[in-house]
């Protein structure tokens, strides 16, 4: 059996301002109508002997993962929640330990995939997965090497050695190499012996755990303990915080693949892209006759070879070439396309300045629905809140703000202090500072309200929760 393990813990910082820490690129529909995570799941359909997937993500993204899986009708085996980020080796180790604990008598093969890659040739991908399955069953650690289309300095490389299995087109790994300079990348490309390191793998759960124990014992001990002491809650497996935090932070490449004698590489030529920057997204999207990718309300004159994405407003561009322009409700990025990797420098500045634009969009998704900030000043904030049918917010109170709710659409069931009542369209209610309150949608259509907050502090962390359906404490 093949068990897909989807790694969904990244923040996609180089795709800011679309990608934010609390809603990163894997949850965004950047290449199609589906999010990149949903595309990854959909791509698995048609592979024989494939089981329900395991997803590894951080605590903040758990409801996004669950909702997006429901939206495309995918039942996950488990969503493993990382309490802290520890890179790919602990994430993969935890997934392997979970699978082995659930199927102690099995020896299933894990298919490790990133949640945010583009693979346009699904048929070629399926063929290589089938070959990888055959090799992994022999106890090898399989990695997929992307057949390079050019000399690329943005990826690490894998050099192949002799054939391991001719019928599967599998080669022994000679070595892994870091991102090269342009001259070295050209040599790699010309030789035909090097592949881009995709970060996708196949191996038996028992094999990777044995290799971790031998080659990176601290990681092995930490993830085993984190799973053994973890708490399983419906679709979620919450890893033990103390045990997982004690794990060294390391990639699976450094922790295992570069040290093992059992690494095998299978070439993959399937129009792959890791969409690591805006320039990469320009590459995978369809261009107009001037080489442009234009999304949203865009007017242009003398614009060539550019990527322009208008989300909220019209963008007009004149006399530019090779540029990236991305507009969201609260931020605009303008960059030379060849410098799009440097967006991470802006993200660093945002972090240093403690700017909210690195964390959230104006529209924020929650397990019960979403909210959007329409206007904010020092003393008041206006939000548009959407509550899904049958969903309810936590029973909560605020120390520093009062709230006024106006129902725009649907039916609201409200707890305010000792009172419980129903409001419909055009009705309103005032919630004084320090009053316990709760909002629920008992209807069958989305509930839409306008919330006006007033007070001395309007931060999202001014919430005291007394009861919550989703296990949130803060």
Foldseek 3Di string as FASTA:
>chain_A
DEEEEEEEADQLLLAPPVTFNLQGQLLDPLAHPGGLLLVVVVLPPPQPPYDAYEYEYAPSCVLSVVVSCVVVVGDHQAYEHAPDAQAALLRLLLVLLLVCVVCVPDFHKYKYYYSQKDFAFSVLVSLLVVLQRVLQVVLFKEFEFELDPALDQPFKKWFFDAAPDVVSQKTFTPAIGHRDPRVVSRVQNVVSRMGGGRLIIMHTSVSSLVQLCVQPVLSSQLSNQQQVPWDDDVRYTYGDNVSNVSGHRDYCCVRGVRPDRRYMYHYGHGPMDSCSFVLRSLVSHDADPQLEAEADQEAEECEHNEYEHDDDDYYYYYNDYQWYWYDAPPDIDIGRNVCSSCSVVVLVVCVVVVPCSNHDGQWDADSQGIKGWDDDDQFKTKIKDKGAAFGKFFFKAFQWKKKKKAWQAAKKWKDWAPDTDIDHHGDMDIHDHPITMMIGHNDHGITIMMMMMGGNDDDPPRIQGDDGPPPDGD
